[in-house]
Structures are given as structure tokens and as C-alpha cells.
């Protein structure tokens, strides 16, 4: 099987723009982990795009890989479609910001190639934090109360609030404000407002397929706060925790969003009496990079099984907790 991997940040999606250091490390980590997993599968060939400013790492120098350099002069959409049509499948990884992941999926859907991710229609919903909140709340899923910044809300109800881009990724653009500061901000329909809730920042790594959901592991996100801003420093993959409530949550979300497909991340805030959903990430997440070491299972192979209309039962050969640090994973020339 020949597979095109397009990781937006490291793969040339920003060839005409500066590379954001905050997303570069995570993009490099996810791309490398995915390549290594796919190369374990017999008779697999990979085409991987690479931003011209980034060196080829060791993973890209392996056999059965063709690396394609993307420059500012490249007609990237045309190039990606040509590459996709030479492959059996394409695996896109991109941030949801400004509909980037949605547009990438739409582009590849116009090719004759199998998409190893959720379709653009569900990416459009999951990439919009307000739309996700409204959908999950309507079906009784516990979620963090969410408003558009220009909505009416009781500002006095909480001492501190978080403002986020409606389609941001990770901690990008997340700021903490006191209720007095909120009143001075201009209204916007591209920013959401959520109460700041003290709790444990968790994420779920999952597989989804036609209304079915499998929980792979529960992870803890290591988030640093400084001057009202937030930074994801890493995560603990496969933490030791009672998974029963998360199994039920994943099954419910699979029914509500039956078009979710492949690897999916779900961000939560854990409080007493239970978790509140923050967002759904219809793509690889940083936690993916620690799953094989933690559980001994090749999730990329499990995703490829979905092409054959089957969701295999996950079989783990180990059960470890793995620490992932986000720092220095890639650098631009």
C-alpha cells in the first residue's frame, strides 16, 4: 500500500509563512511517530511532504519513503492532489485553526484516494468549539458551559474566565481573565468564553468507526500557566485511572457523531463528580506519540484495518505510563 502523509506544519502547508514554533515540535513528533508505525506494516510505501526550511530527520531517510520538498514556489494544492492520486490512501494532520484541517480534508476528498481520517463534514463540526458544545449538550453529554464572546451571560457567576479562539488548537490563543477584565473586551463571534474550572486536564485517545468508539487510553495533559496564558508542556500517556466512565462517554459520542472515523482525541476537565468535555480533535494528537511505548500496539495498523470495514479489538502487549515532553522536536534552518 502506498500512503501519502501530509502533516501541515512540517509538510509545507506554511511554506509561504513563518513556521510557528509552538506547533512545529508537536507536528514533528506526530509525523515521526506515524511514519515509524506505518513502516512496521509489510508492503507499505510512504510519500511524505517536507517544508524546505526543515532538515530531513532519520525517519524520513528510511527505506520505502519518498520525501517531497515544498517551497514557497510550489503550487501545493495541485502538488498534493497529484501525489494523492498516485497513492492508495492519504493521512492528513493539520490544525483546525481557520478551517485548515477542514480544507485539507476537502482537498483530498476531491482525489481518488482513501482518506485515513474523518470526513470534512464532521471535521467542520468538531473544529468549531461552539458547534461541538451545542451538539454534545443537546444530547446530554456533560460539557463545559460555553458562550460566544458577544453572547449574553452572567459575568458575575464565575471569578475567572477563559477566552479561546472558536477553532483554535491546543492552548493556542487561550487566555485567562478575571470577570472585571472580561467587561473591557470587545465582542467577537470568533472567540468563545468558558468559566475557568480547577480540575485535572485529561485527554482520551480513541478509535471511531461508523458509530462505534473504542477507548485506547486516558492521558493527562501537563499545562503551564503564566501571566494568564497557557502552554502545553507535555503529557502522561496511559495514566492509571478507572476507565469505566470514559468507555461510556466514548460510546455516547460515537453514536452522536457517527461520521467520526479513525484516531480521535477528546479533551476533558476532570472534576468531582465526573469529566466535562472541552473539545473533540478529529486528527492525530500529541498523545499518539506515546501509545506504542505505553501499550505495545500499532494504532496506525488499526486505522488501516478500518478501510476493510472492520474495527478489530485492541490487543495490548504492555501497560505502562509514558511521559511525553514537547520541546526541541524540530527546528527550522
Protein backbone atom coordinates (compact mmCIF):
# COMPACT_ATOMS: atom_id res chain seq x y z
CA UNK A 1 0.00 0.00 0.00
CA UNK A 2 1.29 3.46 -0.90
CA UNK A 3 0.31 6.21 1.58
CA UNK A 4 0.74 9.98 1.40
CA UNK A 5 1.39 11.67 4.75
CA UNK A 6 0.70 15.40 4.84
CA UNK A 7 1.46 16.99 8.21
CA UNK A 8 0.52 20.60 7.62
CA UNK A 9 3.12 22.41 9.75
CA UNK A 10 6.23 20.35 8.87
CA UNK A 11 4.95 19.27 5.46
CA UNK A 12 4.89 22.61 3.67
CA UNK A 13 1.44 23.96 4.49
CA UNK A 14 3.10 27.17 5.72
CA UNK A 15 5.90 27.33 3.15
CA UNK A 16 4.97 30.94 2.37
CA UNK A 17 4.63 31.94 6.04
CA UNK A 18 6.75 31.81 9.21
CA UNK A 19 6.74 28.45 11.00
CA UNK A 20 5.03 28.67 14.42
CA UNK A 21 7.44 27.24 16.99
CA UNK A 22 4.54 26.33 19.30
CA UNK A 23 3.10 23.87 16.75
CA UNK A 24 6.32 22.83 14.99
CA UNK A 25 7.51 20.48 17.74
CA UNK A 26 4.16 18.71 18.02
CA UNK A 27 3.85 18.37 14.25
CA UNK A 28 7.31 16.84 14.03
CA UNK A 29 6.59 14.41 16.87
CA UNK A 30 3.30 13.22 15.37
CA UNK A 31 4.69 12.89 11.85
CA UNK A 32 7.70 10.88 13.03
CA UNK A 33 5.62 8.54 15.20
CA UNK A 34 3.15 7.92 12.37
CA UNK A 35 5.92 7.20 9.86
CA UNK A 36 7.56 4.72 12.21
CA UNK A 37 4.26 2.93 12.84
CA UNK A 38 3.37 2.70 9.15
CA UNK A 39 6.81 1.39 8.19
CA UNK A 40 6.26 -1.57 10.53
CA UNK A 41 3.47 -2.74 8.23
CA UNK A 42 4.54 -5.06 5.43
CA UNK A 43 4.47 -3.78 1.83
CA UNK A 44 3.93 -0.16 2.85
CA UNK A 45 5.46 2.72 0.88
CA UNK A 46 5.22 6.31 2.05
CA UNK A 47 5.31 9.69 0.37
CA UNK A 48 5.92 12.48 2.89
CA UNK A 49 5.97 16.20 2.14
CA UNK A 50 8.54 18.38 3.90
CA UNK A 51 8.87 22.14 4.39
CA UNK A 52 12.02 23.39 2.63
CA UNK A 53 13.30 25.01 5.86
CA UNK A 54 13.39 21.73 7.79
CA UNK A 55 16.12 19.11 7.55
CA UNK A 56 15.24 15.51 6.79
CA UNK A 57 15.14 13.62 10.09
CA UNK A 58 16.24 10.00 10.40
CA UNK A 59 12.69 8.72 9.98
CA UNK A 60 12.48 10.37 6.55
CA UNK A 61 15.74 8.74 5.44
CA UNK A 62 14.38 5.22 5.91
CA UNK A 63 13.74 2.80 3.08
CA UNK A 64 10.36 2.87 1.35
CA UNK A 65 9.99 6.64 1.91
CA UNK A 66 9.96 9.36 -0.71
CA UNK A 67 10.31 12.86 0.75
CA UNK A 68 8.92 15.73 -1.36
CA UNK A 69 10.22 19.22 -0.58
CA UNK A 70 7.64 22.02 -0.53
CA UNK A 71 8.93 25.52 -1.34
CA UNK A 72 7.20 28.93 -1.48
CA UNK A 73 7.01 28.48 -5.26
CA UNK A 74 5.14 25.18 -5.03
CA UNK A 75 1.51 25.05 -6.12
CA UNK A 76 0.77 23.00 -3.03
CA UNK A 77 -2.86 22.10 -3.73
CA UNK A 78 -2.05 20.86 -7.21
CA UNK A 79 1.01 19.01 -5.95
CA UNK A 80 -0.89 17.32 -3.10
CA UNK A 81 -3.67 16.19 -5.42
CA UNK A 82 -1.16 14.76 -7.89
CA UNK A 83 0.62 12.90 -5.09
CA UNK A 84 -2.65 11.67 -3.58
CA UNK A 85 -3.80 10.25 -6.92
CA UNK A 86 -0.60 8.18 -7.07
CA UNK A 87 -1.36 6.65 -3.66
CA UNK A 88 -3.86 4.21 -2.20
CA UNK A 89 -4.55 6.40 0.85
CA UNK A 90 -3.69 9.77 2.36
CA UNK A 91 -3.26 10.63 6.04
CA UNK A 92 -3.73 14.36 6.76
CA UNK A 93 -2.67 16.02 10.02
CA UNK A 94 -3.46 19.70 10.41
CA UNK A 95 -4.70 22.21 12.99
CA UNK A 96 -8.37 23.16 12.98
CA UNK A 97 -7.49 26.89 13.06
CA UNK A 98 -9.12 28.91 10.24
CA UNK A 99 -10.69 25.71 8.83
CA UNK A 100 -7.24 24.39 7.89
CA UNK A 101 -7.97 20.72 8.62
CA UNK A 102 -11.41 21.03 7.02
CA UNK A 103 -9.93 22.49 3.83
CA UNK A 104 -7.18 19.86 3.68
CA UNK A 105 -9.74 17.07 4.01
CA UNK A 106 -11.94 18.69 1.35
CA UNK A 107 -8.97 18.85 -0.99
CA UNK A 108 -8.14 15.18 -0.58
CA UNK A 109 -11.80 14.18 -0.88
CA UNK A 110 -11.64 15.51 -4.44
CA UNK A 111 -8.99 12.88 -5.26
CA UNK A 112 -9.49 9.17 -5.91
CA UNK A 113 -7.71 8.26 -2.70
CA UNK A 114 -8.94 6.80 0.61
CA UNK A 115 -8.87 9.37 3.44
CA UNK A 116 -7.36 7.99 6.67
CA UNK A 117 -9.21 10.50 8.84
CA UNK A 118 -12.70 11.79 9.46
CA UNK A 119 -14.52 13.35 6.53
CA UNK A 120 -14.64 17.11 6.11
CA UNK A 121 -18.30 17.35 7.18
CA UNK A 122 -17.62 16.13 10.72
CA UNK A 123 -14.29 17.97 10.86
CA UNK A 124 -16.26 21.17 10.26
CA UNK A 125 -18.34 20.50 13.39
CA UNK A 126 -15.55 19.18 15.61
CA UNK A 127 -13.28 22.03 14.57
CA UNK A 128 -15.81 24.56 15.84
CA UNK A 129 -15.82 24.56 19.65
CA UNK A 130 -19.22 26.26 19.83
CA UNK A 131 -20.84 23.84 17.40
CA UNK A 132 -19.34 20.89 19.28
CA UNK A 133 -20.58 22.25 22.60
CA UNK A 134 -24.11 22.76 21.29
CA UNK A 135 -24.26 19.28 19.73
CA UNK A 136 -22.94 17.44 22.79
CA UNK A 137 -25.08 19.44 25.22
CA UNK A 138 -28.21 18.74 23.17
CA UNK A 139 -27.55 15.00 23.63
CA UNK A 140 -26.91 15.18 27.35
CA UNK A 141 -23.11 14.91 27.30
CA UNK A 142 -21.51 16.78 30.25
CA UNK A 143 -19.64 19.74 28.76
CA UNK A 144 -18.05 22.95 29.98
CA UNK A 145 -20.53 25.84 29.68
CA UNK A 146 -19.56 27.81 26.57
CA UNK A 147 -20.61 31.19 25.20
CA UNK A 148 -19.65 33.33 22.25
CA UNK A 149 -17.93 36.44 23.49
CA UNK A 150 -20.77 38.56 22.12
CA UNK A 151 -23.46 36.39 23.82
CA UNK A 152 -25.39 37.39 26.93
CA UNK A 153 -24.09 35.66 30.07
CA UNK A 154 -23.86 36.25 33.82
CA UNK A 155 -20.33 37.57 34.19
CA UNK A 156 -20.60 37.51 37.99
CA UNK A 157 -21.24 33.76 38.07
CA UNK A 158 -17.51 32.97 37.99
CA UNK A 159 -14.44 34.75 39.31
CA UNK A 160 -12.23 33.79 36.36
CA UNK A 161 -12.95 33.05 32.71
CA UNK A 162 -11.08 31.60 29.74
CA UNK A 163 -11.20 33.11 26.27
CA UNK A 164 -10.32 30.85 23.32
CA UNK A 165 -10.47 31.04 19.54
CA UNK A 166 -13.57 29.23 18.35
CA UNK A 167 -11.39 26.99 16.18
CA UNK A 168 -8.02 27.08 17.94
CA UNK A 169 -5.79 24.09 18.54
CA UNK A 170 -4.38 23.05 21.93
CA UNK A 171 -3.52 26.02 24.15
CA UNK A 172 -3.17 28.34 21.16
CA UNK A 173 -4.68 31.72 21.94
CA UNK A 174 -6.16 30.64 25.31
CA UNK A 175 -6.12 33.44 27.89
CA UNK A 176 -7.38 33.68 31.46
CA UNK A 177 -9.21 36.83 32.57
CA UNK A 178 -10.90 37.99 35.74
CA UNK A 179 -14.58 38.84 35.46
CA UNK A 180 -13.70 42.55 35.73
CA UNK A 181 -11.32 42.28 32.78
CA UNK A 182 -13.91 40.49 30.64
CA UNK A 183 -16.18 43.52 30.63
CA UNK A 184 -13.49 45.59 28.89
CA UNK A 185 -13.06 43.21 25.93
CA UNK A 186 -14.71 43.92 22.56
CA UNK A 187 -17.36 41.45 21.42
CA UNK A 188 -16.45 38.82 18.84
CA UNK A 189 -18.16 35.88 17.16
CA UNK A 190 -14.76 34.16 16.64
CA UNK A 191 -13.93 33.89 20.34
CA UNK A 192 -15.60 31.72 22.96
CA UNK A 193 -15.86 32.24 26.69
CA UNK A 194 -15.76 29.45 29.27
CA UNK A 195 -15.60 29.56 33.08
CA UNK A 196 -12.16 28.71 34.45
CA UNK A 197 -12.59 25.40 36.25
CA UNK A 198 -9.97 23.97 38.59
CA UNK A 199 -9.54 20.33 37.68
CA UNK A 200 -7.36 17.71 36.08
CA UNK A 201 -6.66 18.25 32.37
CA UNK A 202 -7.17 14.90 30.66
CA UNK A 203 -7.45 13.63 27.11
CA UNK A 204 -8.77 10.42 25.60
CA UNK A 205 -7.08 8.63 22.71
CA UNK A 206 -9.76 6.75 20.76
CA UNK A 207 -10.66 4.92 17.59
CA UNK A 208 -14.00 5.65 15.92
CA UNK A 209 -15.77 3.82 13.10
CA UNK A 210 -19.38 4.17 11.89
CA UNK A 211 -20.98 4.93 15.24
CA UNK A 212 -18.62 2.71 17.25
CA UNK A 213 -15.96 4.03 19.59
CA UNK A 214 -13.03 2.33 21.29
CA UNK A 215 -11.05 3.95 24.09
CA UNK A 216 -7.33 3.36 23.66
CA UNK A 217 -6.07 5.15 26.78
CA UNK A 218 -6.57 8.09 29.13
CA UNK A 219 -3.82 10.73 29.23
CA UNK A 220 -3.01 13.67 31.49
CA UNK A 221 -2.03 16.95 29.88
CA UNK A 222 0.78 18.91 31.54
CA UNK A 223 -0.23 22.54 31.13
CA UNK A 224 1.74 25.52 32.42
CA UNK A 225 0.05 28.81 33.30
CA UNK A 226 1.97 32.09 33.13
CA UNK A 227 0.55 35.61 33.16
CA UNK A 228 -2.87 34.40 32.09
CA UNK A 229 -1.51 32.35 29.17
CA UNK A 230 -1.31 28.57 28.84
CA UNK A 231 1.34 26.28 27.38
CA UNK A 232 1.12 22.52 26.81
CA UNK A 233 4.48 21.21 28.02
CA UNK A 234 3.75 17.53 27.54
CA UNK A 235 1.52 14.70 28.63
CA UNK A 236 1.46 11.45 30.56
CA UNK A 237 0.13 8.76 28.23
CA UNK A 238 -1.96 5.89 29.62
CA UNK A 239 -2.40 7.06 33.20
CA UNK A 240 -3.68 4.66 35.84
CA UNK A 241 -7.33 5.58 36.28
CA UNK A 242 -10.73 3.90 36.38
CA UNK A 243 -11.78 3.94 32.72
CA UNK A 244 -15.41 2.88 33.04
CA UNK A 245 -16.96 6.35 32.77
CA UNK A 246 -14.69 7.17 29.82
CA UNK A 247 -15.69 4.00 27.99
CA UNK A 248 -19.32 5.08 28.31
CA UNK A 249 -18.51 8.64 27.19
CA UNK A 250 -16.69 7.44 24.07
CA UNK A 251 -19.59 5.13 23.18
CA UNK A 252 -22.08 8.02 23.54
CA UNK A 253 -20.03 10.40 21.39
CA UNK A 254 -19.66 7.72 18.70
CA UNK A 255 -23.45 7.46 18.45
CA UNK A 256 -23.94 11.23 18.41
CA UNK A 257 -21.20 11.80 15.80
CA UNK A 258 -21.24 8.64 13.65
CA UNK A 259 -19.03 10.20 10.95
CA UNK A 260 -16.04 10.35 13.30
CA UNK A 261 -13.51 7.94 11.82
CA UNK A 262 -10.04 6.72 12.75
CA UNK A 263 -7.92 8.17 15.52
CA UNK A 264 -9.70 10.86 17.55
CA UNK A 265 -8.65 12.84 20.64
CA UNK A 266 -11.10 14.15 23.23
CA UNK A 267 -10.06 16.83 25.73
CA UNK A 268 -11.67 16.88 29.18
CA UNK A 269 -11.51 18.61 32.52
CA UNK A 270 -11.87 16.10 35.36
CA UNK A 271 -13.81 17.37 38.38
CA UNK A 272 -15.98 15.85 41.07
CA UNK A 273 -18.39 14.18 40.20
CA UNK A 274 -17.03 13.44 36.71
CA UNK A 275 -15.45 14.69 33.47
CA UNK A 276 -16.62 17.63 31.39
CA UNK A 277 -15.83 17.61 27.66
CA UNK A 278 -13.85 20.57 26.33
CA UNK A 279 -13.35 19.65 22.68
CA UNK A 280 -13.01 16.86 20.13
CA UNK A 281 -9.90 16.65 17.93
CA UNK A 282 -10.63 14.78 14.65
CA UNK A 283 -6.94 14.06 13.94
CA UNK A 284 -3.77 12.70 15.50
CA UNK A 285 -2.86 14.30 18.83
CA UNK A 286 0.44 14.53 20.68
CA UNK A 287 -0.61 11.66 22.95
CA UNK A 288 -0.45 9.36 19.91
CA UNK A 289 3.35 9.55 20.06
CA UNK A 290 3.47 7.61 23.33
CA UNK A 291 0.85 4.92 22.69
CA UNK A 292 3.09 2.24 21.20
CA UNK A 293 5.61 2.54 24.05
CA UNK A 294 2.82 2.51 26.62
CA UNK A 295 0.58 -0.23 25.26
CA UNK A 296 2.61 -2.07 22.63
CA UNK A 297 0.00 -1.61 19.93
CA UNK A 298 0.41 -0.09 16.46
CA UNK A 299 -2.58 2.25 16.18
CA UNK A 300 -1.76 3.16 12.58
CA UNK A 301 -2.26 -0.50 11.65
CA UNK A 302 -5.59 -0.46 13.47
CA UNK A 303 -6.66 2.58 11.42
CA UNK A 304 -5.72 0.81 8.17
CA UNK A 305 -7.93 -2.10 9.24
CA UNK A 306 -10.90 0.31 9.15
CA UNK A 307 -10.51 0.61 5.37
CA UNK A 308 -11.57 -3.03 5.21
CA UNK A 309 -14.75 -2.21 7.13
CA UNK A 310 -13.71 -3.75 10.40
CA UNK A 311 -12.80 -2.43 13.81
CA UNK A 312 -10.52 -5.00 15.36
CA UNK A 313 -10.45 -5.49 19.11
CA UNK A 314 -7.44 -3.71 20.55
CA UNK A 315 -4.82 -6.09 21.95
CA UNK A 316 -2.24 -4.52 24.22
CA UNK A 317 1.09 -6.25 24.90
CA UNK A 318 2.18 -3.86 27.66
CA UNK A 319 0.64 -1.43 30.13
CA UNK A 320 2.99 1.43 31.01
CA UNK A 321 2.62 5.12 31.70
CA UNK A 322 4.80 7.11 29.29
CA UNK A 323 5.86 10.74 29.71
CA UNK A 324 5.93 12.88 26.56
CA UNK A 325 7.75 16.21 26.57
CA UNK A 326 7.10 18.86 23.92
CA UNK A 327 10.41 20.59 23.31
CA UNK A 328 13.05 20.75 20.65
CA UNK A 329 11.45 18.15 18.39
CA UNK A 330 12.21 20.12 15.25
CA UNK A 331 14.00 23.27 14.18
CA UNK A 332 13.97 25.36 11.04
CA UNK A 333 17.11 26.30 9.14
